[in-house]
PDB file of N, CA and C in Angstrom:
ATOM      1  N   MET A   1       6.760 -15.394   7.598  1.00  0.00           N
ATOM      2  CA  MET A   1       6.346 -14.354   6.694  1.00  0.00           C
ATOM      3  C   MET A   1       7.469 -13.344   6.558  1.00  0.00           C
ATOM      4  N   SER A   2       7.807 -13.030   5.329  1.00  0.00           N
ATOM      5  CA  SER A   2       8.898 -12.115   5.071  1.00  0.00           C
ATOM      6  C   SER A   2       8.374 -10.765   4.623  1.00  0.00           C
ATOM      7  N   ASP A   3       8.950  -9.701   5.168  1.00  0.00           N
ATOM      8  CA  ASP A   3       8.614  -8.360   4.723  1.00  0.00           C
ATOM      9  C   ASP A   3       9.702  -7.826   3.806  1.00  0.00           C
ATOM     10  N   ALA A   4      10.496  -8.726   3.246  1.00  0.00           N
ATOM     11  CA  ALA A   4      11.562  -8.321   2.342  1.00  0.00           C
ATOM     12  C   ALA A   4      10.952  -7.603   1.147  1.00  0.00           C
ATOM     13  N   PRO A   5      11.624  -6.551   0.683  1.00  0.00           N
ATOM     14  CA  PRO A   5      11.067  -5.830  -0.452  1.00  0.00           C
ATOM     15  C   PRO A   5      11.039  -6.692  -1.699  1.00  0.00           C
ATOM     16  N   ALA A   6      10.015  -6.472  -2.493  1.00  0.00           N
ATOM     17  CA  ALA A   6       9.895  -7.184  -3.765  1.00  0.00           C
ATOM     18  C   ALA A   6      10.929  -6.628  -4.724  1.00  0.00           C
ATOM     19  N   PRO A   7      11.261  -7.374  -5.752  1.00  0.00           N
ATOM     20  CA  PRO A   7      12.230  -6.882  -6.713  1.00  0.00           C
ATOM     21  C   PRO A   7      11.709  -5.644  -7.426  1.00  0.00           C
ATOM     22  N   PRO A   8      12.629  -4.862  -8.020  1.00  0.00           N
ATOM     23  CA  PRO A   8      12.195  -3.664  -8.733  1.00  0.00           C
ATOM     24  C   PRO A   8      11.110  -3.997  -9.740  1.00  0.00           C
ATOM     25  N   CYS A   9      10.195  -3.068  -9.900  1.00  0.00           N
ATOM     26  CA  CYS A   9       9.042  -3.337 -10.743  1.00  0.00           C
ATOM     27  C   CYS A   9       9.072  -2.559 -12.043  1.00  0.00           C
ATOM     28  N   GLY A  10      10.206  -2.080 -12.453  1.00  0.00           N
ATOM     29  CA  GLY A  10      10.288  -1.373 -13.722  1.00  0.00           C
ATOM     30  C   GLY A  10       9.491  -0.093 -13.676  1.00  0.00           C
ATOM     31  N   ALA A  11       8.876   0.234 -14.749  1.00  0.00           N
ATOM     32  CA  ALA A  11       8.113   1.482 -14.840  1.00  0.00           C
ATOM     33  C   ALA A  11       6.708   1.326 -14.287  1.00  0.00           C
ATOM     34  N   CYS A  12       6.344   0.142 -13.829  1.00  0.00           N
ATOM     35  CA  CYS A  12       5.027  -0.126 -13.264  1.00  0.00           C
ATOM     36  C   CYS A  12       3.909   0.124 -14.257  1.00  0.00           C
ATOM     37  N   ALA A  13       4.221   0.132 -15.504  1.00  0.00           N
ATOM     38  CA  ALA A  13       3.193   0.380 -16.505  1.00  0.00           C
ATOM     39  C   ALA A  13       2.571  -0.929 -16.941  1.00  0.00           C
ATOM     40  N   PRO A  14       1.248  -1.014 -16.926  1.00  0.00           N
ATOM     41  CA  PRO A  14       0.603  -2.224 -17.413  1.00  0.00           C
ATOM     42  C   PRO A  14       0.997  -2.465 -18.855  1.00  0.00           C
ATOM     43  N   PRO A  15       1.120  -3.667 -19.332  1.00  0.00           N
ATOM     44  CA  PRO A  15       0.786  -4.890 -18.623  1.00  0.00           C
ATOM     45  C   PRO A  15       1.934  -5.448 -17.803  1.00  0.00           C
ATOM     46  N   ALA A  16       3.075  -4.769 -17.742  1.00  0.00           N
ATOM     47  CA  ALA A  16       4.231  -5.270 -17.006  1.00  0.00           C
ATOM     48  C   ALA A  16       4.111  -4.911 -15.529  1.00  0.00           C
ATOM     49  N   ALA A  17       2.978  -5.228 -14.951  1.00  0.00           N
ATOM     50  CA  ALA A  17       2.730  -4.909 -13.547  1.00  0.00           C
ATOM     51  C   ALA A  17       3.700  -5.685 -12.664  1.00  0.00           C
ATOM     52  N   PRO A  18       4.099  -5.076 -11.560  1.00  0.00           N
ATOM     53  CA  PRO A  18       5.057  -5.728 -10.679  1.00  0.00           C
ATOM     54  C   PRO A  18       4.430  -6.879  -9.905  1.00  0.00           C
ATOM     55  N   SER A  19       5.292  -7.725  -9.410  1.00  0.00           N
ATOM     56  CA  SER A  19       4.848  -8.773  -8.508  1.00  0.00           C
ATOM     57  C   SER A  19       4.738  -8.158  -7.124  1.00  0.00           C
ATOM     58  N   HIS A  20       3.640  -8.377  -6.475  1.00  0.00           N
ATOM     59  CA  HIS A  20       3.436  -7.818  -5.136  1.00  0.00           C
ATOM     60  C   HIS A  20       3.344  -8.929  -4.097  1.00  0.00           C
ATOM     61  N   ARG A  21       4.144  -9.942  -4.262  1.00  0.00           N
ATOM     62  CA  ARG A  21       4.108 -11.082  -3.334  1.00  0.00           C
ATOM     63  C   ARG A  21       4.395 -10.669  -1.894  1.00  0.00           C
ATOM     64  N   ALA A  22       5.340  -9.761  -1.713  1.00  0.00           N
ATOM     65  CA  ALA A  22       5.673  -9.315  -0.351  1.00  0.00           C
ATOM     66  C   ALA A  22       4.479  -8.644   0.310  1.00  0.00           C
ATOM     67  N   GLU A  23       3.684  -7.944  -0.481  1.00  0.00           N
ATOM     68  CA  GLU A  23       2.520  -7.258   0.065  1.00  0.00           C
ATOM     69  C   GLU A  23       1.411  -8.228   0.453  1.00  0.00           C
ATOM     70  N   LEU A  24       1.390  -9.389  -0.169  1.00  0.00           N
ATOM     71  CA  LEU A  24       0.331 -10.362   0.141  1.00  0.00           C
ATOM     72  C   LEU A  24       0.353 -10.777   1.604  1.00  0.00           C
ATOM     73  N   SER A  25       1.526 -11.011   2.169  1.00  0.00           N
ATOM     74  CA  SER A  25       1.573 -11.422   3.578  1.00  0.00           C
ATOM     75  C   SER A  25       1.049 -10.307   4.477  1.00  0.00           C
ATOM     76  N   ARG A  26       1.375  -9.086   4.141  1.00  0.00           N
ATOM     77  CA  ARG A  26       0.883  -7.957   4.930  1.00  0.00           C
ATOM     78  C   ARG A  26      -0.634  -7.843   4.814  1.00  0.00           C
ATOM     79  N   LEU A  27      -1.153  -8.018   3.609  1.00  0.00           N
ATOM     80  CA  LEU A  27      -2.608  -7.971   3.413  1.00  0.00           C
ATOM     81  C   LEU A  27      -3.307  -9.103   4.154  1.00  0.00           C
ATOM     82  N   ARG A  28      -2.694 -10.256   4.188  1.00  0.00           N
ATOM     83  CA  ARG A  28      -3.292 -11.391   4.923  1.00  0.00           C
ATOM     84  C   ARG A  28      -3.365 -11.087   6.421  1.00  0.00           C
ATOM     85  N   ARG A  29      -2.339 -10.420   6.946  1.00  0.00           N
ATOM     86  CA  ARG A  29      -2.381 -10.035   8.367  1.00  0.00           C
ATOM     87  C   ARG A  29      -3.511  -9.034   8.606  1.00  0.00           C
ATOM     88  N   ILE A  30      -3.670  -8.076   7.691  1.00  0.00           N
ATOM     89  CA  ILE A  30      -4.748  -7.091   7.818  1.00  0.00           C
ATOM     90  C   ILE A  30      -6.104  -7.790   7.757  1.00  0.00           C
ATOM     91  N   LYS A  31      -6.222  -8.727   6.836  1.00  0.00           N
ATOM     92  CA  LYS A  31      -7.479  -9.488   6.737  1.00  0.00           C
ATOM     93  C   LYS A  31      -7.763 -10.223   8.046  1.00  0.00           C
ATOM     94  N   GLY A  32      -6.731 -10.790   8.641  1.00  0.00           N
ATOM     95  CA  GLY A  32      -6.892 -11.458   9.929  1.00  0.00           C
ATOM     96  C   GLY A  32      -7.368 -10.497  11.006  1.00  0.00           C
ATOM     97  N   GLN A  33      -6.836  -9.281  10.971  1.00  0.00           N
ATOM     98  CA  GLN A  33      -7.288  -8.275  11.934  1.00  0.00           C
ATOM     99  C   GLN A  33      -8.760  -7.943  11.714  1.00  0.00           C
ATOM    100  N   LEU A  34      -9.154  -7.798  10.456  1.00  0.00           N
ATOM    101  CA  LEU A  34     -10.560  -7.518  10.157  1.00  0.00           C
ATOM    102  C   LEU A  34     -11.469  -8.668  10.585  1.00  0.00           C
ATOM    103  N   ASP A  35     -11.005  -9.892  10.369  1.00  0.00           N
ATOM    104  CA  ASP A  35     -11.769 -11.052  10.836  1.00  0.00           C
ATOM    105  C   ASP A  35     -11.937 -10.996  12.351  1.00  0.00           C
ATOM    106  N   GLY A  36     -10.893 -10.533  13.033  1.00  0.00           N
ATOM    107  CA  GLY A  36     -10.960 -10.386  14.482  1.00  0.00           C
ATOM    108  C   GLY A  36     -12.000  -9.363  14.900  1.00  0.00           C
ATOM    109  N   VAL A  37     -12.082  -8.259  14.168  1.00  0.00           N
ATOM    110  CA  VAL A  37     -13.093  -7.235  14.454  1.00  0.00           C
ATOM    111  C   VAL A  37     -14.485  -7.832  14.259  1.00  0.00           C
ATOM    112  N   GLU A  38     -14.654  -8.588  13.191  1.00  0.00           N
ATOM    113  CA  GLU A  38     -15.947  -9.222  12.931  1.00  0.00           C
ATOM    114  C   GLU A  38     -16.332 -10.146  14.090  1.00  0.00           C
ATOM    115  N   ARG A  39     -15.373 -10.946  14.561  1.00  0.00           N
ATOM    116  CA  ARG A  39     -15.656 -11.846  15.692  1.00  0.00           C
ATOM    117  C   ARG A  39     -16.025 -11.052  16.941  1.00  0.00           C
ATOM    118  N   MET A  40     -15.311  -9.950  17.162  1.00  0.00           N
ATOM    119  CA  MET A  40     -15.603  -9.124  18.332  1.00  0.00           C
ATOM    120  C   MET A  40     -17.034  -8.606  18.282  1.00  0.00           C
ATOM    121  N   ILE A  41     -17.472  -8.192  17.101  1.00  0.00           N
ATOM    122  CA  ILE A  41     -18.839  -7.685  16.947  1.00  0.00           C
ATOM    123  C   ILE A  41     -19.843  -8.812  17.175  1.00  0.00           C
ATOM    124  N   GLU A  42     -19.565  -9.977  16.584  1.00  0.00           N
ATOM    125  CA  GLU A  42     -20.461 -11.124  16.769  1.00  0.00           C
ATOM    126  C   GLU A  42     -20.557 -11.531  18.231  1.00  0.00           C
ATOM    127  N   GLU A  43     -19.483 -11.369  18.988  1.00  0.00           N
ATOM    128  CA  GLU A  43     -19.453 -11.740  20.399  1.00  0.00           C
ATOM    129  C   GLU A  43     -20.031 -10.649  21.291  1.00  0.00           C
ATOM    130  N   GLY A  44     -20.353  -9.483  20.691  1.00  0.00           N
ATOM    131  CA  GLY A  44     -20.913  -8.390  21.480  1.00  0.00           C
ATOM    132  C   GLY A  44     -19.896  -7.745  22.398  1.00  0.00           C
ATOM    133  N   ARG A  45     -18.668  -7.662  21.955  1.00  0.00           N
ATOM    134  CA  ARG A  45     -17.594  -7.089  22.777  1.00  0.00           C
ATOM    135  C   ARG A  45     -17.824  -5.603  23.026  1.00  0.00           C
ATOM    136  N   TYR A  46     -17.144  -5.105  24.008  1.00  0.00           N
ATOM    137  CA  TYR A  46     -17.233  -3.722  24.449  1.00  0.00           C
ATOM    138  C   TYR A  46     -16.744  -2.786  23.340  1.00  0.00           C
ATOM    139  N   CYS A  47     -17.522  -1.733  23.076  1.00  0.00           N
ATOM    140  CA  CYS A  47     -17.237  -0.813  21.955  1.00  0.00           C
ATOM    141  C   CYS A  47     -15.803  -0.281  21.941  1.00  0.00           C
ATOM    142  N   PRO A  48     -15.273   0.209  23.063  1.00  0.00           N
ATOM    143  CA  PRO A  48     -13.896   0.712  23.029  1.00  0.00           C
ATOM    144  C   PRO A  48     -12.879  -0.359  22.621  1.00  0.00           C
ATOM    145  N   ASP A  49     -13.144  -1.613  22.969  1.00  0.00           N
ATOM    146  CA  ASP A  49     -12.238  -2.689  22.554  1.00  0.00           C
ATOM    147  C   ASP A  49     -12.280  -2.870  21.033  1.00  0.00           C
ATOM    148  N   ILE A  50     -13.477  -2.793  20.473  1.00  0.00           N
ATOM    149  CA  ILE A  50     -13.627  -2.913  19.018  1.00  0.00           C
ATOM    150  C   ILE A  50     -12.956  -1.725  18.339  1.00  0.00           C
ATOM    151  N   LEU A  51     -13.182  -0.534  18.886  1.00  0.00           N
ATOM    152  CA  LEU A  51     -12.566   0.661  18.308  1.00  0.00           C
ATOM    153  C   LEU A  51     -11.046   0.591  18.346  1.00  0.00           C
ATOM    154  N   ALA A  52     -10.494   0.048  19.414  1.00  0.00           N
ATOM    155  CA  ALA A  52      -9.037  -0.104  19.494  1.00  0.00           C
ATOM    156  C   ALA A  52      -8.547  -1.008  18.368  1.00  0.00           C
ATOM    157  N   GLN A  53      -9.285  -2.070  18.114  1.00  0.00           N
ATOM    158  CA  GLN A  53      -8.884  -2.991  17.043  1.00  0.00           C
ATOM    159  C   GLN A  53      -9.042  -2.344  15.671  1.00  0.00           C
ATOM    160  N   THR A  54     -10.106  -1.544  15.473  1.00  0.00           N
ATOM    161  CA  THR A  54     -10.268  -0.891  14.167  1.00  0.00           C
ATOM    162  C   THR A  54      -9.167   0.145  13.943  1.00  0.00           C
ATOM    163  N   ARG A  55      -8.716   0.794  15.011  1.00  0.00           N
ATOM    164  CA  ARG A  55      -7.587   1.725  14.859  1.00  0.00           C
ATOM    165  C   ARG A  55      -6.329   0.971  14.455  1.00  0.00           C
ATOM    166  N   ALA A  56      -6.152  -0.219  14.979  1.00  0.00           N
ATOM    167  CA  ALA A  56      -4.994  -1.040  14.607  1.00  0.00           C
ATOM    168  C   ALA A  56      -5.079  -1.436  13.133  1.00  0.00           C
ATOM    169  N   VAL A  57      -6.283  -1.767  12.676  1.00  0.00           N
ATOM    170  CA  VAL A  57      -6.475  -2.108  11.261  1.00  0.00           C
ATOM    171  C   VAL A  57      -6.151  -0.895  10.390  1.00  0.00           C
ATOM    172  N   THR A  58      -6.660   0.255  10.776  1.00  0.00           N
ATOM    173  CA  THR A  58      -6.406   1.476  10.013  1.00  0.00           C
ATOM    174  C   THR A  58      -4.908   1.769   9.947  1.00  0.00           C
ATOM    175  N   ALA A  59      -4.216   1.624  11.052  1.00  0.00           N
ATOM    176  CA  ALA A  59      -2.767   1.845  11.069  1.00  0.00           C
ATOM    177  C   ALA A  59      -2.048   0.847  10.164  1.00  0.00           C
ATOM    178  N   ALA A  60      -2.508  -0.387  10.165  1.00  0.00           N
ATOM    179  CA  ALA A  60      -1.889  -1.405   9.317  1.00  0.00           C
ATOM    180  C   ALA A  60      -2.109  -1.099   7.841  1.00  0.00           C
ATOM    181  N   VAL A  61      -3.299  -0.638   7.490  1.00  0.00           N
ATOM    182  CA  VAL A  61      -3.578  -0.274   6.090  1.00  0.00           C
ATOM    183  C   VAL A  61      -2.725   0.918   5.689  1.00  0.00           C
ATOM    184  N   ARG A  62      -2.599   1.894   6.550  1.00  0.00           N
ATOM    185  CA  ARG A  62      -1.757   3.057   6.229  1.00  0.00           C
ATOM    186  C   ARG A  62      -0.294   2.649   6.074  1.00  0.00           C
ATOM    187  N   ALA A  63       0.176   1.761   6.912  1.00  0.00           N
ATOM    188  CA  ALA A  63       1.558   1.280   6.787  1.00  0.00           C
ATOM    189  C   ALA A  63       1.742   0.537   5.469  1.00  0.00           C
ATOM    190  N   PHE A  64       0.736  -0.230   5.083  1.00  0.00           N
ATOM    191  CA  PHE A  64       0.768  -0.938   3.798  1.00  0.00           C
ATOM    192  C   PHE A  64       0.856   0.074   2.658  1.00  0.00           C
ATOM    193  N   GLU A  65       0.003   1.099   2.692  1.00  0.00           N
ATOM    194  CA  GLU A  65       0.027   2.127   1.656  1.00  0.00           C
ATOM    195  C   GLU A  65       1.376   2.815   1.586  1.00  0.00           C
ATOM    196  N   THR A  66       1.931   3.151   2.733  1.00  0.00           N
ATOM    197  CA  THR A  66       3.219   3.828   2.781  1.00  0.00           C
ATOM    198  C   THR A  66       4.319   2.961   2.182  1.00  0.00           C
ATOM    199  N   ALA A  67       4.326   1.682   2.536  1.00  0.00           N
ATOM    200  CA  ALA A  67       5.346   0.767   2.003  1.00  0.00           C
ATOM    201  C   ALA A  67       5.203   0.613   0.490  1.00  0.00           C
ATOM    202  N   LEU A  68       3.972   0.518   0.014  1.00  0.00           N
ATOM    203  CA  LEU A  68       3.738   0.377  -1.416  1.00  0.00           C
ATOM    204  C   LEU A  68       4.151   1.649  -2.160  1.00  0.00           C
ATOM    205  N   LEU A  69       3.827   2.798  -1.609  1.00  0.00           N
ATOM    206  CA  LEU A  69       4.222   4.062  -2.219  1.00  0.00           C
ATOM    207  C   LEU A  69       5.746   4.196  -2.231  1.00  0.00           C
ATOM    208  N   GLU A  70       6.377   3.834  -1.132  1.00  0.00           N
ATOM    209  CA  GLU A  70       7.844   3.895  -1.061  1.00  0.00           C
ATOM    210  C   GLU A  70       8.475   3.006  -2.127  1.00  0.00           C
ATOM    211  N   ARG A  71       7.945   1.823  -2.279  1.00  0.00           N
ATOM    212  CA  ARG A  71       8.460   0.903  -3.293  1.00  0.00           C
ATOM    213  C   ARG A  71       8.271   1.485  -4.691  1.00  0.00           C
ATOM    214  N   HIS A  72       7.106   2.051  -4.927  1.00  0.00           N
ATOM    215  CA  HIS A  72       6.821   2.638  -6.227  1.00  0.00           C
ATOM    216  C   HIS A  72       7.803   3.777  -6.542  1.00  0.00           C
ATOM    217  N   VAL A  73       8.018   4.651  -5.573  1.00  0.00           N
ATOM    218  CA  VAL A  73       8.928   5.777  -5.787  1.00  0.00           C
ATOM    219  C   VAL A  73      10.361   5.283  -5.965  1.00  0.00           C
ATOM    220  N   ASN A  74      10.799   4.366  -5.116  1.00  0.00           N
ATOM    221  CA  ASN A  74      12.180   3.894  -5.175  1.00  0.00           C
ATOM    222  C   ASN A  74      12.500   3.064  -6.409  1.00  0.00           C
ATOM    223  N   HIS A  75      11.496   2.496  -7.024  1.00  0.00           N
ATOM    224  CA  HIS A  75      11.768   1.649  -8.181  1.00  0.00           C
ATOM    225  C   HIS A  75      11.147   2.211  -9.457  1.00  0.00           C
ATOM    226  N   CYS A  76       9.856   2.319  -9.486  1.00  0.00           N
ATOM    227  CA  CYS A  76       9.158   2.722 -10.715  1.00  0.00           C
ATOM    228  C   CYS A  76       9.478   4.163 -11.098  1.00  0.00           C
ATOM    229  N   VAL A  77       9.310   5.064 -10.136  1.00  0.00           N
ATOM    230  CA  VAL A  77       9.545   6.471 -10.423  1.00  0.00           C
ATOM    231  C   VAL A  77      11.023   6.710 -10.691  1.00  0.00           C
ATOM    232  N   ARG A  78      11.869   6.114  -9.878  1.00  0.00           N
ATOM    233  CA  ARG A  78      13.321   6.280 -10.079  1.00  0.00           C
ATOM    234  C   ARG A  78      13.717   5.813 -11.474  1.00  0.00           C
ATOM    235  N   GLU A  79      13.217   4.656 -11.895  1.00  0.00           N
ATOM    236  CA  GLU A  79      13.559   4.147 -13.220  1.00  0.00           C
ATOM    237  C   GLU A  79      13.094   5.101 -14.316  1.00  0.00           C
ATOM    238  N   ALA A  80      11.906   5.665 -14.148  1.00  0.00           N
ATOM    239  CA  ALA A  80      11.402   6.613 -15.143  1.00  0.00           C
ATOM    240  C   ALA A  80      12.307   7.839 -15.229  1.00  0.00           C
ATOM    241  N   PHE A  81      12.799   8.307 -14.083  1.00  0.00           N
ATOM    242  CA  PHE A  81      13.651   9.493 -14.092  1.00  0.00           C
ATOM    243  C   PHE A  81      15.066   9.208 -14.563  1.00  0.00           C
ATOM    244  N   LEU A  82      15.494   7.971 -14.492  1.00  0.00           N
ATOM    245  CA  LEU A  82      16.803   7.606 -15.028  1.00  0.00           C
ATOM    246  C   LEU A  82      16.749   7.343 -16.528  1.00  0.00           C
ATOM    247  N   GLY A  83      15.548   7.147 -17.049  1.00  0.00           N
ATOM    248  CA  GLY A  83      15.367   6.873 -18.471  1.00  0.00           C
ATOM    249  C   GLY A  83      15.360   8.147 -19.296  1.00  0.00           C
ATOM    250  N   ALA A  84      15.326   7.961 -20.591  1.00  0.00           N
ATOM    251  CA  ALA A  84      15.384   9.088 -21.522  1.00  0.00           C
ATOM    252  C   ALA A  84      14.008   9.597 -21.933  1.00  0.00           C
ATOM    253  N   ASP A  85      12.956   8.923 -21.523  1.00  0.00           N
ATOM    254  CA  ASP A  85      11.610   9.255 -21.982  1.00  0.00           C
ATOM    255  C   ASP A  85      11.001  10.374 -21.125  1.00  0.00           C
ATOM    256  N   GLU A  86      11.005  11.591 -21.671  1.00  0.00           N
ATOM    257  CA  GLU A  86      10.469  12.756 -20.964  1.00  0.00           C
ATOM    258  C   GLU A  86       8.981  12.579 -20.638  1.00  0.00           C
ATOM    259  N   ALA A  87       8.236  12.000 -21.560  1.00  0.00           N
ATOM    260  CA  ALA A  87       6.804  11.789 -21.336  1.00  0.00           C
ATOM    261  C   ALA A  87       6.575  10.856 -20.146  1.00  0.00           C
ATOM    262  N   GLU A  88       7.403   9.848 -20.009  1.00  0.00           N
ATOM    263  CA  GLU A  88       7.277   8.918 -18.881  1.00  0.00           C
ATOM    264  C   GLU A  88       7.564   9.637 -17.566  1.00  0.00           C
ATOM    265  N   ARG A  89       8.569  10.496 -17.552  1.00  0.00           N
ATOM    266  CA  ARG A  89       8.877  11.270 -16.336  1.00  0.00           C
ATOM    267  C   ARG A  89       7.694  12.163 -15.971  1.00  0.00           C
ATOM    268  N   GLU A  90       7.136  12.856 -16.957  1.00  0.00           N
ATOM    269  CA  GLU A  90       5.993  13.726 -16.701  1.00  0.00           C
ATOM    270  C   GLU A  90       4.795  12.918 -16.203  1.00  0.00           C
ATOM    271  N   ALA A  91       4.607  11.737 -16.766  1.00  0.00           N
ATOM    272  CA  ALA A  91       3.502  10.869 -16.336  1.00  0.00           C
ATOM    273  C   ALA A  91       3.680  10.464 -14.874  1.00  0.00           C
ATOM    274  N   LYS A  92       4.907  10.156 -14.484  1.00  0.00           N
ATOM    275  CA  LYS A  92       5.154   9.765 -13.085  1.00  0.00           C
ATOM    276  C   LYS A  92       4.926  10.930 -12.141  1.00  0.00           C
ATOM    277  N   VAL A  93       5.315  12.137 -12.528  1.00  0.00           N
ATOM    278  CA  VAL A  93       5.068  13.307 -11.684  1.00  0.00           C
ATOM    279  C   VAL A  93       3.565  13.522 -11.512  1.00  0.00           C
ATOM    280  N   THR A  94       2.833  13.450 -12.600  1.00  0.00           N
ATOM    281  CA  THR A  94       1.370  13.598 -12.543  1.00  0.00           C
ATOM    282  C   THR A  94       0.762  12.526 -11.658  1.00  0.00           C
ATOM    283  N   GLU A  95       1.221  11.305 -11.824  1.00  0.00           N
ATOM    284  CA  GLU A  95       0.735  10.175 -11.030  1.00  0.00           C
ATOM    285  C   GLU A  95       0.968  10.421  -9.544  1.00  0.00           C
ATOM    286  N   LEU A  96       2.164  10.880  -9.174  1.00  0.00           N
ATOM    287  CA  LEU A  96       2.468  11.139  -7.766  1.00  0.00           C
ATOM    288  C   LEU A  96       1.613  12.274  -7.207  1.00  0.00           C
ATOM    289  N   ILE A  97       1.411  13.305  -7.998  1.00  0.00           N
ATOM    290  CA  ILE A  97       0.555  14.409  -7.552  1.00  0.00           C
ATOM    291  C   ILE A  97      -0.850  13.897  -7.263  1.00  0.00           C
ATOM    292  N   GLU A  98      -1.373  13.051  -8.134  1.00  0.00           N
ATOM    293  CA  GLU A  98      -2.707  12.481  -7.913  1.00  0.00           C
ATOM    294  C   GLU A  98      -2.737  11.624  -6.658  1.00  0.00           C
ATOM    295  N   ILE A  99      -1.714  10.810  -6.453  1.00  0.00           N
ATOM    296  CA  ILE A  99      -1.648   9.953  -5.263  1.00  0.00           C
ATOM    297  C   ILE A  99      -1.644  10.797  -3.997  1.00  0.00           C
ATOM    298  N   PHE A 100      -0.771  11.815  -3.959  1.00  0.00           N
ATOM    299  CA  PHE A 100      -0.676  12.638  -2.764  1.00  0.00           C
ATOM    300  C   PHE A 100      -1.927  13.481  -2.560  1.00  0.00           C
ATOM    301  N   SER A 101      -2.554  13.913  -3.630  1.00  0.00           N
ATOM    302  CA  SER A 101      -3.796  14.674  -3.501  1.00  0.00           C
ATOM    303  C   SER A 101      -4.877  13.832  -2.851  1.00  0.00           C
ATOM    304  N   ARG A 102      -4.980  12.578  -3.251  1.00  0.00           N
ATOM    305  CA  ARG A 102      -5.985  11.679  -2.648  1.00  0.00           C
ATOM    306  C   ARG A 102      -5.668  11.436  -1.188  1.00  0.00           C
ATOM    307  N   ARG A 103      -4.393  11.292  -0.836  1.00  0.00           N
ATOM    308  CA  ARG A 103      -4.018  11.059   0.565  1.00  0.00           C
ATOM    309  C   ARG A 103      -4.369  12.258   1.424  1.00  0.00           C
ATOM    310  N   LEU A 104      -4.196  13.460   0.874  1.00  0.00           N
ATOM    311  CA  LEU A 104      -4.466  14.678   1.640  1.00  0.00           C
ATOM    312  C   LEU A 104      -5.958  14.914   1.832  1.00  0.00           C
ATOM    313  N   GLU A 105      -6.793  14.314   0.983  1.00  0.00           N
ATOM    314  CA  GLU A 105      -8.234  14.514   1.087  1.00  0.00           C
ATOM    315  C   GLU A 105      -8.850  13.770   2.261  1.00  0.00           C
ATOM    316  N   ARG A 106      -8.140  12.870   2.854  1.00  0.00           N
ATOM    317  CA  ARG A 106      -8.695  12.085   3.975  1.00  0.00           C
ATOM    318  C   ARG A 106      -9.082  12.927   5.133  1.00  0.00           C
TER     319      ARG A 106
END
């Protein structure tokens, strides 16, 4: 499994959505962790052991979000700011504000 970054995704504007193949392997690992939590519950495992695994899942999801956000900023947002379209730049700033606002609400 490779964690190599995916190629630049342009402006990330639909319908030219980026390929997220690199993220798929990470999501599959997270899914495996969740399957493990399910098995632990079915087996009646000790609560602190289950909680430790759920914290690992949460950390993995946050790492996934961080990597995806980093990719978006380094490629999509950067491309918008290098371009001549002022409206696209403003849209990316608004988009980032919304993303960070949702993250802060946790």
